[in-house]
Amino acid sequence: MKNRELPWLPRLVIYPKDVAKITGKSERKARRDLATIRDAKGRRKNDPVTIFEFLEYFPMYTLETVLVMLN
């Protein structure tokens, strides 16, 4: 994807509070989901997860939906 094709992103990193808000799960479950994504990607414990990696793991959400929920 070219840069001009991406909508404006407020940030690239997604946090447990964001995941909880988007999915409707508890913040603890959101932390576990992010840990699972890191594990699947071969990342270390404290490495950030991007919005795009979150969308790969949760294909039921679209980028537009996530951006609306984050604003």
C-alpha atoms as a PDB file:
ATOM      1  CA  MET A   1       0.000   0.000   0.000  1.00  0.00           C
ATOM      2  CA  LYS A   2       1.274   3.421  -0.834  1.00  0.00           C
ATOM      3  CA  ASN A   3       1.347   6.121   1.807  1.00  0.00           C
ATOM      4  CA  ARG A   4      -1.341   8.221   0.125  1.00  0.00           C
ATOM      5  CA  GLU A   5      -3.747   5.265   0.100  1.00  0.00           C
ATOM      6  CA  LEU A   6      -3.705   4.982   3.899  1.00  0.00           C
ATOM      7  CA  PRO A   7      -6.132   7.125   5.825  1.00  0.00           C
ATOM      8  CA  TRP A   8      -4.608   9.441   8.368  1.00  0.00           C
ATOM      9  CA  LEU A   9      -3.564   7.411  11.387  1.00  0.00           C
ATOM     10  CA  PRO A  10      -3.459   9.031  14.820  1.00  0.00           C
ATOM     11  CA  ARG A  11      -0.834   6.418  15.824  1.00  0.00           C
ATOM     12  CA  LEU A  12       0.395   3.002  14.750  1.00  0.00           C
ATOM     13  CA  VAL A  13       0.644   1.262  18.121  1.00  0.00           C
ATOM     14  CA  ILE A  14      -2.415  -0.234  19.800  1.00  0.00           C
ATOM     15  CA  TYR A  15      -2.660  -0.575  23.579  1.00  0.00           C
ATOM     16  CA  PRO A  16      -4.649  -2.943  25.837  1.00  0.00           C
ATOM     17  CA  LYS A  17      -7.149  -0.210  26.691  1.00  0.00           C
ATOM     18  CA  ASP A  18      -7.763   0.312  22.958  1.00  0.00           C
ATOM     19  CA  VAL A  19      -8.239  -3.418  22.352  1.00  0.00           C
ATOM     20  CA  ALA A  20     -10.673  -3.624  25.275  1.00  0.00           C
ATOM     21  CA  LYS A  21     -12.669  -0.720  23.869  1.00  0.00           C
ATOM     22  CA  ILE A  22     -12.764  -2.194  20.350  1.00  0.00           C
ATOM     23  CA  THR A  23     -13.551  -5.797  21.285  1.00  0.00           C
ATOM     24  CA  GLY A  24     -15.693  -5.178  24.355  1.00  0.00           C
ATOM     25  CA  LYS A  25     -13.491  -7.502  26.417  1.00  0.00           C
ATOM     26  CA  SER A  26     -11.828  -6.779  29.733  1.00  0.00           C
ATOM     27  CA  GLU A  27      -8.472  -5.033  29.777  1.00  0.00           C
ATOM     28  CA  ARG A  28      -6.868  -8.198  31.164  1.00  0.00           C
ATOM     29  CA  LYS A  29      -8.176 -10.255  28.231  1.00  0.00           C
ATOM     30  CA  ALA A  30      -6.990  -7.508  25.869  1.00  0.00           C
ATOM     31  CA  ARG A  31      -3.475  -7.824  27.360  1.00  0.00           C
ATOM     32  CA  ARG A  32      -3.597 -11.577  26.765  1.00  0.00           C
ATOM     33  CA  ASP A  33      -4.730 -11.006  23.163  1.00  0.00           C
ATOM     34  CA  LEU A  34      -1.806  -8.642  22.557  1.00  0.00           C
ATOM     35  CA  ALA A  35       0.567 -11.174  24.132  1.00  0.00           C
ATOM     36  CA  THR A  36      -0.805 -13.842  21.784  1.00  0.00           C
ATOM     37  CA  ILE A  37      -0.205 -11.561  18.787  1.00  0.00           C
ATOM     38  CA  ARG A  38       3.376 -10.896  19.959  1.00  0.00           C
ATOM     39  CA  ASP A  39       3.924 -14.621  20.427  1.00  0.00           C
ATOM     40  CA  ALA A  40       2.598 -15.406  16.939  1.00  0.00           C
ATOM     41  CA  LYS A  41       4.873 -12.742  15.429  1.00  0.00           C
ATOM     42  CA  GLY A  42       7.935 -13.883  17.396  1.00  0.00           C
ATOM     43  CA  ARG A  43       8.192 -10.636  19.309  1.00  0.00           C
ATOM     44  CA  ARG A  44       9.525 -10.019  22.803  1.00  0.00           C
ATOM     45  CA  LYS A  45       7.267  -9.401  25.796  1.00  0.00           C
ATOM     46  CA  ASN A  46       7.379  -5.596  25.727  1.00  0.00           C
ATOM     47  CA  ASP A  47       7.454  -5.015  21.966  1.00  0.00           C
ATOM     48  CA  PRO A  48       4.588  -2.862  20.710  1.00  0.00           C
ATOM     49  CA  VAL A  49       1.804  -4.264  18.529  1.00  0.00           C
ATOM     50  CA  THR A  50       0.700  -2.184  15.554  1.00  0.00           C
ATOM     51  CA  ILE A  51      -2.872  -1.599  14.467  1.00  0.00           C
ATOM     52  CA  PHE A  52      -2.135  -3.609  11.308  1.00  0.00           C
ATOM     53  CA  GLU A  53      -0.938  -6.631  13.306  1.00  0.00           C
ATOM     54  CA  PHE A  54      -4.079  -6.385  15.424  1.00  0.00           C
ATOM     55  CA  LEU A  55      -6.189  -6.366  12.248  1.00  0.00           C
ATOM     56  CA  GLU A  56      -4.388  -9.477  10.946  1.00  0.00           C
ATOM     57  CA  TYR A  57      -5.249 -11.318  14.163  1.00  0.00           C
ATOM     58  CA  PHE A  58      -8.830  -9.969  14.340  1.00  0.00           C
ATOM     59  CA  PRO A  59     -10.006  -9.970  10.694  1.00  0.00           C
ATOM     60  CA  MET A  60     -13.597  -9.189  11.723  1.00  0.00           C
ATOM     61  CA  TYR A  61     -12.584  -5.566  12.295  1.00  0.00           C
ATOM     62  CA  THR A  62     -11.667  -3.126   9.535  1.00  0.00           C
ATOM     63  CA  LEU A  63      -9.176  -0.287   9.684  1.00  0.00           C
ATOM     64  CA  GLU A  64     -12.005   2.227   9.434  1.00  0.00           C
ATOM     65  CA  THR A  65     -13.859   0.628  12.367  1.00  0.00           C
ATOM     66  CA  VAL A  66     -10.733   0.662  14.527  1.00  0.00           C
ATOM     67  CA  LEU A  67      -9.955   4.292  13.705  1.00  0.00           C
ATOM     68  CA  VAL A  68     -13.505   5.344  14.589  1.00  0.00           C
ATOM     69  CA  MET A  69     -13.306   3.480  17.899  1.00  0.00           C
ATOM     70  CA  LEU A  70      -9.939   5.080  18.753  1.00  0.00           C
ATOM     71  CA  ASN A  71     -11.160   8.621  18.180  1.00  0.00           C
END
